[in-house]
Amino acid sequence: MSELPFDLGVSMKKATRLALALGIALAVIAPSAAVADEGQSSSPPGASEAAEASSSTGSGSSSLVNSSDLSSYGQPEDAVAYAEPADKSFPPPPDIDLTTKFVGSDGQVGYRNPLAPEKSQPLEPVMDRAFLWSGNGSTLPADVKAELQGAGISAQSLQSGPVGSWASEVTDSLLLKAGNCPMVIGDIYLARLKQCAQAASSAPATPTPGSMGWGTPLSTALPTYTPPPPITSFMAVAPPPAECVTKNLYIVNRGRYGACVLDDSTGKIVIPKTGEVLGTFSVQQVTIVKGAKLSAGYDSTFYIRMYHSTGVGRTSSYGLQAVLMCYVPKNTCAGTEGQLNSTLGSSWLKVTGKVKSSLGMGTKGTLSSVWGAYIKPSASSTIAGRSAASPQLRCDNNVVWGMGHGCVNDAVILAQTWDTQNWPTVAVHIDRAQETGLDYWLTRAWPTEASANRDKACDHAPQAKPLYSCDEYPYASTKEGASTGGGPMRVLSGCGYKQVAGSGPSGWSRCQVIATDNTNHGNSLSKFYKENRIIPGDYFGAGVVGLP
């Protein structure tokens, strides 16, 4: 083996980067990933970065970090504040709280993305409007009559009639401020809404996507209701994944390509004249979105069930029609496919639809969709359309030429680790450069920026010794690179060039590494970009494992 330009064993003074492998690494590239470009046995200066900028992934493969290493992080419900490993030598990205770490159902791990803050917060409470009672109190079962009597509702109150003046005060603004206001039988609907609104006076003034509530007047976001076709028999389905039903209105990230959210709410059946609550029914809706590396859109799976009812809600049957709809059709959505017609009961119902992207070449955008569920209780004259809260995916179409069209959950950022077995000289250069203060977290640059970075860092570097080539860190394909990141050059001892002292987060490092090692690293990095749709502006991490 050729002589290395520096000693593999002298670079580590701190603990190993094991925290990366335990907590935030997605792709630990397998030895088979070490593949050179077509027909190349050695590389010119900057070959690693040239491979990064290209769309080719070579013939390398990747494997996920061993799931046993993730056992201490629990289940993939990212609302949990996970315990951090003692070694925090791989810090979170800027503005990221350590408690935002999550483990996806497929073993992928990461942090929430500060560049997508709207996807990093719990969703706002939904609006909630009453269903008007249209039944006959004399026909109610004895146990329901006793329940209503115990709540102070007289038999005379159960006579239907014109809607009272209270209804005019139930405005969209009040409903939004009140959120999913909890009520019991006997509550006066308007008075309780006002109490909830006062308690939540800091609520936003405008609705958020997916927040239209039961009974909200139909708008352009919901299609005109049409009676569902005759009910056909159906089989109860298995419940949605456990991590998707653990916390209401909280987006659970399920890796780079997926997310889910529970929307748990309660409809109220009220007396038209007085606004007294006669009964309630509670509904769970779960939306799971799943993107793909190469797909002009994504799948959206919708689950729904009614799990609790009180008062006259217990005597009612419930017709259901659910339709998948674009939320912002003018921007990114070309249309949807998906509809469910059934009766709503205690068993989960499920339907999977497709959301189609209309993004033009070289563009990206959030592809928004919602499941609009219409429910018609037999005890009410109200037909209510309500859109379920839904995670949104970012889609992009050849933003970097050759990446094709795909959709990802950009609320997730990933890290890639490099080991000294497969990339010995490059891995050590990265590790040593980071020890001097250069950042672990990088941002992918545009190809023109990558060219400028490469030109400054390596294209004009002194000729490397035979079988070696110039390597730079941060990578030329990142905005932290030599030109776009700015700062002075540093050259570490034993790197084959004249030593230049440097420390801190500003600047960049130049070093000679084995040329085939450099090429293999570039191919693997390009593969990481493409498989995870890391496009310009996306965060990702770079770490090293396997050093003493």
Protein backbone atom coordinates (compact mmCIF):
# COMPACT_ATOMS: atom_id res chain seq x y z
CA MET A 1 0.00 0.00 0.00
CA SER A 2 1.25 3.47 -0.76
CA GLU A 3 2.52 5.65 2.03
CA LEU A 4 -0.23 7.79 3.54
CA PRO A 5 0.31 11.54 3.74
CA PHE A 6 -0.51 11.48 7.45
CA ASP A 7 -0.86 9.02 10.32
CA LEU A 8 -4.32 7.55 10.73
CA GLY A 9 -3.86 7.23 14.45
CA VAL A 10 -2.79 10.70 15.49
CA SER A 11 -5.81 12.82 14.61
CA MET A 12 -8.24 12.07 17.43
CA LYS A 13 -7.82 13.88 20.70
CA LYS A 14 -11.51 13.91 21.57
CA ALA A 15 -13.91 10.99 21.95
CA THR A 16 -14.93 9.18 18.79
CA ARG A 17 -17.89 10.35 16.80
CA LEU A 18 -20.00 7.49 18.13
CA ALA A 19 -22.82 9.86 18.93
CA LEU A 20 -23.40 10.26 15.22
CA ALA A 21 -23.73 6.54 14.67
CA LEU A 22 -26.04 6.22 17.69
CA GLY A 23 -28.23 9.21 17.26
CA ILE A 24 -28.46 10.93 13.91
CA ALA A 25 -26.89 8.94 11.11
CA LEU A 26 -29.08 7.78 8.28
CA ALA A 27 -26.70 6.37 5.71
CA VAL A 28 -23.60 4.48 6.72
CA ILE A 29 -22.26 3.58 3.31
CA ALA A 30 -21.34 -0.07 2.96
CA PRO A 31 -17.92 -1.16 1.64
CA SER A 32 -19.49 -1.95 -1.72
CA ALA A 33 -20.08 1.80 -2.15
CA ALA A 34 -16.42 2.37 -2.81
CA VAL A 35 -16.69 2.45 -6.60
CA ALA A 36 -14.67 4.70 -8.89
CA ASP A 37 -16.09 6.62 -11.83
CA GLU A 38 -16.33 4.75 -15.11
CA GLY A 39 -12.94 3.77 -16.43
CA GLN A 40 -10.97 5.75 -13.83
CA SER A 41 -8.19 4.23 -11.81
CA SER A 42 -7.02 7.52 -10.32
CA SER A 43 -8.44 11.01 -10.04
CA PRO A 44 -7.30 14.52 -10.84
CA PRO A 45 -7.42 17.22 -8.15
CA GLY A 46 -10.98 17.78 -6.92
CA ALA A 47 -12.29 14.48 -8.30
CA SER A 48 -14.33 13.89 -5.17
CA GLU A 49 -16.22 17.13 -5.65
CA ALA A 50 -16.69 16.57 -9.36
CA ALA A 51 -18.47 13.35 -8.52
CA GLU A 52 -20.62 15.13 -5.93
CA ALA A 53 -21.87 17.69 -8.46
CA SER A 54 -22.76 15.06 -11.03
CA SER A 55 -26.06 13.24 -11.07
CA SER A 56 -24.44 9.82 -11.31
CA THR A 57 -24.67 7.60 -8.26
CA GLY A 58 -22.16 5.06 -9.50
CA SER A 59 -22.93 1.48 -8.51
CA GLY A 60 -22.55 2.03 -4.78
CA SER A 61 -25.10 0.93 -2.19
CA SER A 62 -25.98 2.12 1.27
CA SER A 63 -27.23 0.51 4.45
CA LEU A 64 -29.01 1.92 7.46
CA VAL A 65 -27.27 2.22 10.78
CA ASN A 66 -27.74 -0.89 12.93
CA SER A 67 -31.16 -0.61 14.56
CA SER A 68 -29.82 -2.08 17.80
CA ASP A 69 -27.78 1.08 18.24
CA LEU A 70 -31.04 3.05 18.36
CA SER A 71 -32.78 1.08 21.09
CA SER A 72 -32.26 3.75 23.73
CA TYR A 73 -34.28 6.25 21.72
CA GLY A 74 -37.61 4.49 22.11
CA GLN A 75 -40.47 4.50 19.66
CA PRO A 76 -40.76 6.85 16.66
CA GLU A 77 -42.97 9.45 18.38
CA ASP A 78 -40.96 12.60 18.04
CA ALA A 79 -42.83 14.39 20.81
CA VAL A 80 -40.74 12.42 23.31
CA ALA A 81 -37.71 14.15 24.85
CA TYR A 82 -35.09 11.48 24.29
CA ALA A 83 -32.04 11.16 26.50
CA GLU A 84 -28.85 12.26 24.79
CA PRO A 85 -25.70 10.12 24.75
CA ALA A 86 -22.90 11.38 26.96
CA ASP A 87 -20.74 12.21 23.92
CA LYS A 88 -22.25 15.25 22.20
CA SER A 89 -19.29 15.77 19.91
CA PHE A 90 -21.69 15.80 16.98
CA PRO A 91 -23.88 18.79 17.81
CA PRO A 92 -27.36 19.45 16.41
CA PRO A 93 -27.78 21.92 13.57
CA PRO A 94 -28.28 25.62 14.36
CA ASP A 95 -31.45 26.43 16.29
CA ILE A 96 -32.32 22.77 16.81
CA ASP A 97 -33.28 21.61 20.29
CA LEU A 98 -31.86 18.21 21.23
CA THR A 99 -35.35 17.06 22.24
CA THR A 100 -36.48 17.19 18.62
CA LYS A 101 -34.53 14.03 17.84
CA PHE A 102 -36.76 11.21 16.56
CA VAL A 103 -36.44 7.67 15.28
CA GLY A 104 -38.53 6.79 12.25
CA SER A 105 -40.43 3.55 11.90
CA ASP A 106 -37.88 2.38 9.35
CA GLY A 107 -34.90 3.05 11.64
CA GLN A 108 -34.00 6.39 10.09
CA VAL A 109 -33.12 9.08 12.57
CA GLY A 110 -32.71 12.81 12.50
CA TYR A 111 -33.65 16.19 13.86
CA ARG A 112 -36.38 18.59 12.81
CA ASN A 113 -35.27 21.02 10.17
CA PRO A 114 -34.90 24.71 11.14
CA LEU A 115 -35.31 25.58 7.47
CA ALA A 116 -38.86 24.21 7.56
CA PRO A 117 -40.21 25.75 10.79
CA GLU A 118 -43.82 25.46 9.70
CA LYS A 119 -43.36 21.68 9.75
CA SER A 120 -41.61 21.68 13.13
CA GLN A 121 -44.49 22.78 15.34
CA PRO A 122 -47.71 21.16 16.55
CA LEU A 123 -50.65 22.07 14.35
CA GLU A 124 -53.18 24.59 15.59
CA PRO A 125 -56.47 23.34 17.13
CA VAL A 126 -59.27 22.80 14.68
CA MET A 127 -62.47 24.80 14.57
CA ASP A 128 -65.58 23.06 15.84
CA ARG A 129 -69.16 23.87 14.90
CA ALA A 130 -72.32 22.31 16.29
CA PHE A 131 -74.63 19.82 14.61
CA LEU A 132 -78.28 20.87 15.03
CA TRP A 133 -80.58 18.29 16.65
CA SER A 134 -83.46 17.24 14.42
CA GLY A 135 -84.72 14.19 16.27
CA ASN A 136 -87.71 13.48 18.47
CA GLY A 137 -87.17 13.26 22.21
CA SER A 138 -90.08 10.89 22.67
CA THR A 139 -88.34 8.16 20.70
CA LEU A 140 -85.07 8.20 22.64
CA PRO A 141 -84.08 5.08 24.60
CA ALA A 142 -84.68 5.19 28.34
CA ASP A 143 -80.98 5.26 29.23
CA VAL A 144 -80.36 8.27 26.94
CA LYS A 145 -83.37 10.10 28.42
CA ALA A 146 -81.97 9.44 31.89
CA GLU A 147 -78.55 10.74 30.81
CA LEU A 148 -80.09 13.96 29.47
CA GLN A 149 -82.32 14.40 32.51
CA GLY A 150 -79.27 14.02 34.75
CA ALA A 151 -77.64 16.89 32.82
CA GLY A 152 -80.66 19.11 33.48
CA ILE A 153 -82.25 18.89 30.02
CA SER A 154 -86.03 18.66 30.17
CA ALA A 155 -88.24 16.71 27.81
CA GLN A 156 -89.74 19.98 26.63
CA SER A 157 -86.29 21.23 25.55
CA LEU A 158 -86.02 18.33 23.10
CA GLN A 159 -88.68 19.77 20.83
CA SER A 160 -87.02 21.00 17.64
CA GLY A 161 -87.70 24.48 16.35
CA PRO A 162 -86.07 27.53 14.76
CA VAL A 163 -82.44 28.20 15.55
CA GLY A 164 -82.01 30.60 18.46
CA SER A 165 -80.24 33.96 18.33
CA TRP A 166 -77.16 32.40 19.90
CA ALA A 167 -76.17 30.95 16.52
CA SER A 168 -75.40 34.36 15.01
CA GLU A 169 -72.61 34.84 17.58
CA VAL A 170 -70.88 31.59 16.61
CA THR A 171 -68.48 33.13 14.10
CA ASP A 172 -65.45 31.57 12.44
CA SER A 173 -63.25 33.89 14.49
CA LEU A 174 -64.77 32.65 17.76
CA LEU A 175 -64.51 29.02 16.66
CA LEU A 176 -60.85 29.43 15.76
CA LYS A 177 -60.01 31.06 19.07
CA ALA A 178 -61.91 28.39 20.98
CA GLY A 179 -60.20 25.54 19.15
CA ASN A 180 -61.42 22.00 19.82
CA CYS A 181 -63.42 23.14 22.84
CA PRO A 182 -64.29 20.27 25.22
CA MET A 183 -67.98 20.11 26.18
CA VAL A 184 -70.32 17.76 27.99
CA ILE A 185 -74.07 17.22 27.83
CA GLY A 186 -75.89 20.21 29.30
CA ASP A 187 -73.26 22.81 28.40
CA ILE A 188 -74.53 25.90 26.64
CA TYR A 189 -72.62 25.82 23.37
CA LEU A 190 -72.05 29.56 22.91
CA ALA A 191 -71.08 30.21 26.53
CA ARG A 192 -68.61 27.33 26.52
CA LEU A 193 -67.03 28.52 23.27
CA LYS A 194 -66.48 31.96 24.79
CA GLN A 195 -64.81 30.41 27.85
CA CYS A 196 -62.48 28.36 25.65
CA ALA A 197 -61.66 31.37 23.48
CA GLN A 198 -60.76 33.46 26.54
CA ALA A 199 -58.51 30.68 27.86
CA ALA A 200 -56.74 30.48 24.52
CA SER A 201 -56.50 34.19 23.74
CA SER A 202 -53.06 33.73 22.17
CA ALA A 203 -54.45 31.56 19.36
CA PRO A 204 -53.62 32.76 15.79
CA ALA A 205 -56.08 35.04 14.07
CA THR A 206 -56.28 33.11 10.80
CA PRO A 207 -56.89 29.43 10.11
CA THR A 208 -54.04 27.17 9.11
CA PRO A 209 -54.25 24.63 6.25
CA GLY A 210 -56.29 21.65 7.26
CA SER A 211 -58.07 23.47 10.12
CA MET A 212 -61.63 23.80 8.82
CA GLY A 213 -63.96 22.26 11.36
CA TRP A 214 -67.16 20.31 11.61
CA GLY A 215 -69.97 22.33 10.10
CA THR A 216 -67.73 24.99 8.61
CA PRO A 217 -69.58 26.58 5.66
CA LEU A 218 -68.50 24.95 2.44
CA SER A 219 -65.77 26.86 0.62
CA THR A 220 -63.47 26.37 -2.34
CA ALA A 221 -61.34 24.06 -0.20
CA LEU A 222 -64.17 21.52 0.03
CA PRO A 223 -66.16 20.23 -2.95
CA THR A 224 -69.95 20.42 -3.02
CA TYR A 225 -71.45 17.59 -1.05
CA THR A 226 -73.11 14.87 -3.05
CA PRO A 227 -75.00 12.00 -1.41
CA PRO A 228 -72.79 8.92 -1.22
CA PRO A 229 -73.68 5.89 -3.34
CA PRO A 230 -75.34 2.91 -1.68
CA ILE A 231 -73.24 1.54 1.15
CA THR A 232 -71.34 -1.59 0.28
CA SER A 233 -70.02 -4.07 2.82
CA PHE A 234 -66.53 -3.48 4.09
CA MET A 235 -63.99 -5.22 6.24
CA ALA A 236 -62.53 -3.55 9.32
CA VAL A 237 -58.85 -2.78 8.78
CA ALA A 238 -55.92 -2.92 11.15
CA PRO A 239 -55.34 0.33 13.06
CA PRO A 240 -52.78 2.84 11.82
CA PRO A 241 -49.19 2.59 13.11
CA ALA A 242 -49.01 3.19 16.86
CA GLU A 243 -46.72 6.21 16.56
CA CYS A 244 -49.36 7.98 14.46
CA VAL A 245 -52.08 7.91 17.15
CA THR A 246 -50.20 8.96 20.27
CA LYS A 247 -50.58 12.75 20.31
CA ASN A 248 -53.25 14.93 18.76
CA LEU A 249 -52.35 17.43 16.03
CA TYR A 250 -48.64 16.69 16.27
CA ILE A 251 -46.77 15.74 13.12
CA VAL A 252 -44.76 12.57 13.57
CA ASN A 253 -41.83 12.34 11.16
CA ARG A 254 -41.34 8.88 9.70
CA GLY A 255 -38.01 9.30 7.95
CA ARG A 256 -37.01 11.39 4.94
CA TYR A 257 -39.98 10.23 2.87
CA GLY A 258 -42.92 10.15 5.25
CA ALA A 259 -44.93 11.64 8.11
CA CYS A 260 -48.28 11.20 9.83
CA VAL A 261 -50.62 13.15 12.08
CA LEU A 262 -53.62 12.38 14.30
CA ASP A 263 -56.61 14.71 14.18
CA ASP A 264 -58.84 13.89 17.15
CA SER A 265 -61.99 15.98 17.53
CA THR A 266 -65.52 15.89 18.88
CA GLY A 267 -68.76 16.91 17.20
CA LYS A 268 -71.54 18.35 19.35
CA ILE A 269 -75.25 17.83 18.72
CA VAL A 270 -77.14 20.82 20.15
CA ILE A 271 -80.72 22.00 20.61
CA PRO A 272 -81.45 24.58 17.89
CA LYS A 273 -83.43 26.96 20.11
CA THR A 274 -81.22 27.06 23.21
CA GLY A 275 -77.79 25.83 22.14
CA GLU A 276 -77.73 23.19 24.90
CA VAL A 277 -75.51 20.19 24.11
CA LEU A 278 -77.58 17.02 23.75
CA GLY A 279 -74.83 14.65 22.73
CA THR A 280 -71.32 14.30 21.37
CA PHE A 281 -69.40 11.97 19.09
CA SER A 282 -65.60 11.75 18.99
CA VAL A 283 -63.75 10.97 15.78
CA GLN A 284 -60.12 10.09 15.11
CA GLN A 285 -58.66 10.82 11.68
CA VAL A 286 -55.10 9.83 10.80
CA THR A 287 -53.35 10.94 7.63
CA ILE A 288 -50.12 9.25 6.54
CA VAL A 289 -48.17 10.67 3.62
CA LYS A 290 -45.39 8.80 1.85
CA GLY A 291 -43.19 10.29 -0.85
CA ALA A 292 -40.75 8.56 -3.16
CA LYS A 293 -37.29 9.13 -4.57
CA LEU A 294 -38.63 9.24 -8.13
CA SER A 295 -42.33 10.03 -8.26
CA ALA A 296 -44.27 13.11 -9.38
CA GLY A 297 -46.38 13.16 -6.24
CA TYR A 298 -47.01 11.05 -3.17
CA ASP A 299 -49.42 8.59 -1.55
CA SER A 300 -51.81 9.78 1.17
CA THR A 301 -53.50 7.17 3.36
CA PHE A 302 -56.51 8.18 5.44
CA TYR A 303 -57.86 6.34 8.49
CA ILE A 304 -61.05 7.30 10.32
CA ARG A 305 -63.17 5.90 13.15
CA MET A 306 -65.68 7.08 15.75
CA TYR A 307 -64.49 5.91 19.16
CA HIS A 308 -66.83 7.54 21.70
CA SER A 309 -70.32 9.05 21.89
CA THR A 310 -72.65 10.44 24.51
CA GLY A 311 -76.32 11.37 24.80
CA VAL A 312 -78.21 11.43 21.52
CA GLY A 313 -74.89 10.76 19.78
CA ARG A 314 -75.24 7.17 20.96
CA THR A 315 -78.55 6.75 19.13
CA SER A 316 -77.38 8.09 15.79
CA SER A 317 -75.93 6.42 12.75
CA TYR A 318 -73.33 8.30 10.72
CA GLY A 319 -72.95 8.49 6.97
CA LEU A 320 -69.43 9.22 5.71
CA GLN A 321 -67.92 10.48 2.50
CA ALA A 322 -64.18 11.22 2.42
CA VAL A 323 -62.45 12.81 -0.58
CA LEU A 324 -58.77 13.63 -1.12
CA MET A 325 -58.27 17.18 -2.36
CA CYS A 326 -55.47 19.53 -3.36
CA TYR A 327 -55.12 22.40 -0.94
CA VAL A 328 -53.13 24.74 -3.18
CA PRO A 329 -53.92 23.48 -6.69
CA LYS A 330 -52.59 26.57 -8.49
CA ASN A 331 -49.06 26.15 -7.18
CA THR A 332 -47.97 22.54 -7.16
CA CYS A 333 -50.93 20.16 -7.38
CA ALA A 334 -52.11 18.60 -10.63
CA GLY A 335 -54.94 16.66 -9.03
CA THR A 336 -55.80 13.82 -6.69
CA GLU A 337 -57.28 10.34 -6.69
CA GLY A 338 -59.01 8.90 -3.65
CA GLN A 339 -62.53 8.59 -2.17
CA LEU A 340 -64.25 6.62 0.59
CA ASN A 341 -68.02 6.10 0.99
CA SER A 342 -69.21 4.17 4.01
CA THR A 343 -70.86 4.34 7.40
CA LEU A 344 -68.76 5.57 10.31
CA GLY A 345 -68.38 3.21 13.25
CA SER A 346 -65.97 2.08 15.92
CA SER A 347 -63.82 0.11 13.47
CA TRP A 348 -61.10 1.83 11.49
CA LEU A 349 -61.82 2.59 7.85
CA LYS A 350 -58.94 3.15 5.46
CA VAL A 351 -58.41 4.50 1.96
CA THR A 352 -55.21 5.36 0.07
CA GLY A 353 -55.14 8.10 -2.53
CA LYS A 354 -52.58 9.79 -4.74
CA VAL A 355 -51.58 13.44 -4.91
CA LYS A 356 -50.05 14.48 -8.23
CA SER A 357 -47.41 17.17 -8.62
CA SER A 358 -47.53 19.75 -11.41
CA LEU A 359 -44.14 21.31 -10.70
CA GLY A 360 -42.29 22.57 -13.73
CA MET A 361 -38.74 21.58 -14.57
CA GLY A 362 -36.21 23.11 -12.18
CA THR A 363 -38.75 24.11 -9.52
CA LYS A 364 -39.71 22.99 -6.02
CA GLY A 365 -42.68 23.59 -3.74
CA THR A 366 -44.84 22.24 -0.95
CA LEU A 367 -47.47 19.88 -2.31
CA SER A 368 -50.46 20.38 0.00
CA SER A 369 -53.46 18.09 0.25
CA VAL A 370 -56.21 17.30 2.73
CA TRP A 371 -58.82 14.61 3.20
CA GLY A 372 -62.24 16.26 3.37
CA ALA A 373 -64.58 14.11 5.44
CA TYR A 374 -68.34 14.76 5.31
CA ILE A 375 -70.37 13.30 8.17
CA LYS A 376 -74.16 13.21 8.42
CA PRO A 377 -75.53 12.06 11.81
CA SER A 378 -79.03 10.66 11.51
CA ALA A 379 -79.94 12.70 14.61
CA SER A 380 -79.01 15.98 12.97
CA SER A 381 -80.06 18.07 10.03
CA THR A 382 -76.48 19.24 9.55
CA ILE A 383 -74.15 17.83 6.91
CA ALA A 384 -70.64 18.74 8.05
CA GLY A 385 -67.52 18.90 5.94
CA ARG A 386 -64.25 18.83 7.80
CA SER A 387 -60.73 18.63 6.44
CA ALA A 388 -58.33 16.46 8.41
CA ALA A 389 -54.97 17.83 9.45
CA SER A 390 -52.31 16.53 7.07
CA PRO A 391 -48.51 16.58 6.86
CA GLN A 392 -47.19 18.24 3.71
CA LEU A 393 -44.28 17.07 1.59
CA ARG A 394 -41.84 19.09 -0.46
CA CYS A 395 -41.64 18.08 -4.09
CA ASP A 396 -38.93 19.08 -6.53
CA ASN A 397 -38.45 18.48 -10.24
CA ASN A 398 -34.86 18.36 -11.50
CA VAL A 399 -33.78 21.27 -9.32
CA VAL A 400 -30.39 19.66 -9.83
CA TRP A 401 -30.32 18.16 -13.29
CA GLY A 402 -30.57 14.38 -13.31
CA MET A 403 -32.38 14.03 -9.95
CA GLY A 404 -35.78 13.70 -11.60
CA HIS A 405 -39.11 14.41 -9.88
CA GLY A 406 -39.71 13.33 -6.28
CA CYS A 407 -41.23 14.29 -2.93
CA VAL A 408 -39.66 14.22 0.54
CA ASN A 409 -40.36 15.20 4.11
CA ASP A 410 -37.94 18.13 4.34
CA ALA A 411 -38.75 18.54 8.03
CA VAL A 412 -36.13 15.79 8.40
CA ILE A 413 -32.42 16.36 8.03
CA LEU A 414 -30.00 13.48 7.67
CA ALA A 415 -26.37 12.81 8.34
CA GLN A 416 -23.90 10.58 6.54
CA THR A 417 -20.96 8.95 8.24
CA TRP A 418 -17.63 8.01 6.74
CA ASP A 419 -15.50 5.22 8.17
CA THR A 420 -11.76 4.69 7.95
CA GLN A 421 -12.10 1.20 6.48
CA ASN A 422 -13.73 2.30 3.24
CA TRP A 423 -12.52 5.91 2.97
CA PRO A 424 -9.35 5.94 5.08
CA THR A 425 -7.68 9.16 4.01
CA VAL A 426 -10.82 11.18 3.26
CA ALA A 427 -12.43 10.17 6.57
CA VAL A 428 -9.38 11.21 8.54
CA HIS A 429 -9.18 14.54 6.69
CA ILE A 430 -12.84 15.27 7.52
CA ASP A 431 -12.31 14.33 11.15
CA ARG A 432 -9.17 16.40 11.59
CA ALA A 433 -10.72 19.39 9.83
CA GLN A 434 -13.72 19.22 12.13
CA GLU A 435 -11.43 19.03 15.15
CA THR A 436 -10.04 22.42 14.16
CA GLY A 437 -13.54 23.90 14.39
CA LEU A 438 -15.04 23.46 10.91
CA ASP A 439 -18.74 22.60 11.06
CA TYR A 440 -20.27 19.15 11.01
CA TRP A 441 -23.49 20.50 9.48
CA LEU A 442 -23.44 21.55 5.86
CA THR A 443 -25.83 22.98 3.27
CA ARG A 444 -25.88 21.75 -0.30
CA ALA A 445 -24.85 24.41 -2.83
CA TRP A 446 -25.91 25.07 -6.41
CA PRO A 447 -23.70 23.55 -9.14
CA THR A 448 -22.31 26.98 -10.09
CA GLU A 449 -21.37 27.59 -6.45
CA ALA A 450 -19.77 24.14 -6.29
CA SER A 451 -17.64 24.97 -9.34
CA ALA A 452 -16.43 28.19 -7.71
CA ASN A 453 -15.65 26.33 -4.50
CA ARG A 454 -13.74 23.63 -6.34
CA ASP A 455 -11.81 26.18 -8.39
CA LYS A 456 -10.65 28.01 -5.28
CA ALA A 457 -9.89 24.97 -3.15
CA CYS A 458 -8.23 22.48 -5.48
CA ASP A 459 -8.14 23.43 -9.16
CA HIS A 460 -5.19 25.75 -8.55
CA ALA A 461 -3.55 23.73 -5.80
CA PRO A 462 0.05 22.51 -6.26
CA GLN A 463 0.31 19.19 -8.07
CA ALA A 464 -0.37 16.25 -5.76
CA LYS A 465 2.06 13.39 -5.44
CA PRO A 466 1.44 10.31 -7.65
CA LEU A 467 -1.69 8.34 -6.77
CA TYR A 468 -2.98 11.22 -4.64
CA SER A 469 -5.33 14.11 -5.30
CA CYS A 470 -6.51 17.29 -3.62
CA ASP A 471 -9.40 17.07 -1.20
CA GLU A 472 -11.22 19.93 0.54
CA TYR A 473 -13.49 20.27 3.54
CA PRO A 474 -16.19 21.53 3.72
CA TYR A 475 -17.12 19.86 0.44
CA ALA A 476 -17.11 21.99 -2.70
CA SER A 477 -20.74 20.99 -3.22
CA THR A 478 -21.77 22.86 -0.04
CA LYS A 479 -22.44 26.50 0.71
CA GLU A 480 -19.78 26.27 3.43
CA GLY A 481 -17.16 25.53 0.72
CA ALA A 482 -14.02 27.55 0.00
CA SER A 483 -15.59 30.28 -2.14
CA THR A 484 -19.19 30.58 -0.93
CA GLY A 485 -18.32 29.93 2.71
CA GLY A 486 -15.39 32.35 2.76
CA GLY A 487 -12.63 32.46 5.30
CA PRO A 488 -8.95 31.49 5.08
CA MET A 489 -7.46 28.21 4.00
CA ARG A 490 -5.88 25.89 6.54
CA VAL A 491 -3.54 22.98 5.81
CA LEU A 492 -2.99 20.42 8.53
CA SER A 493 0.33 18.79 9.27
CA GLY A 494 1.08 15.77 7.11
CA CYS A 495 -1.37 16.81 4.38
CA GLY A 496 1.21 16.99 1.60
CA TYR A 497 1.08 20.80 1.21
CA LYS A 498 2.80 23.58 3.10
CA GLN A 499 1.23 23.72 6.54
CA VAL A 500 -1.10 26.67 7.23
CA ALA A 501 -2.44 27.12 10.73
CA GLY A 502 -6.14 27.76 11.24
CA SER A 503 -8.99 27.17 13.64
CA GLY A 504 -12.62 28.02 14.20
CA PRO A 505 -15.76 27.64 12.06
CA SER A 506 -14.73 30.09 9.33
CA GLY A 507 -12.56 28.82 6.48
CA TRP A 508 -11.74 25.55 4.80
CA SER A 509 -9.13 22.79 4.78
CA ARG A 510 -7.03 21.41 1.91
CA CYS A 511 -5.31 18.02 2.03
CA GLN A 512 -3.85 15.34 -0.26
CA VAL A 513 -5.70 12.01 -0.08
CA ILE A 514 -5.47 8.76 -2.03
CA ALA A 515 -7.02 9.49 -5.42
CA THR A 516 -9.27 6.40 -5.59
CA ASP A 517 -10.37 7.10 -2.02
CA ASN A 518 -11.28 10.62 -3.12
CA THR A 519 -13.26 9.38 -6.13
CA ASN A 520 -15.11 6.74 -4.13
CA HIS A 521 -16.05 9.34 -1.53
CA GLY A 522 -17.42 11.65 -4.22
CA ASN A 523 -19.49 8.89 -5.78
CA SER A 524 -20.92 7.91 -2.41
CA LEU A 525 -21.76 11.51 -1.55
CA SER A 526 -23.49 11.94 -4.89
CA LYS A 527 -25.49 8.79 -4.18
CA PHE A 528 -26.44 10.12 -0.73
CA TYR A 529 -27.67 13.37 -2.32
CA LYS A 530 -29.76 11.60 -4.92
CA GLU A 531 -31.26 8.85 -2.79
CA ASN A 532 -32.40 11.33 -0.16
CA ARG A 533 -33.19 14.19 -2.56
CA ILE A 534 -30.75 16.57 -0.90
CA ILE A 535 -31.11 19.65 -3.10
CA PRO A 536 -29.49 23.10 -2.85
CA GLY A 537 -30.45 24.69 0.45
CA ASP A 538 -30.96 21.38 2.29
CA TYR A 539 -29.05 20.69 5.50
CA PHE A 540 -27.17 17.45 6.02
CA GLY A 541 -24.50 16.21 8.40
CA ALA A 542 -20.99 14.82 7.87
CA GLY A 543 -19.36 12.64 10.50
CA VAL A 544 -16.64 10.05 10.95
CA VAL A 545 -16.66 6.73 12.78
CA GLY A 546 -14.05 4.06 13.32
CA LEU A 547 -11.23 6.20 14.72
CA PRO A 548 -9.56 5.31 18.05
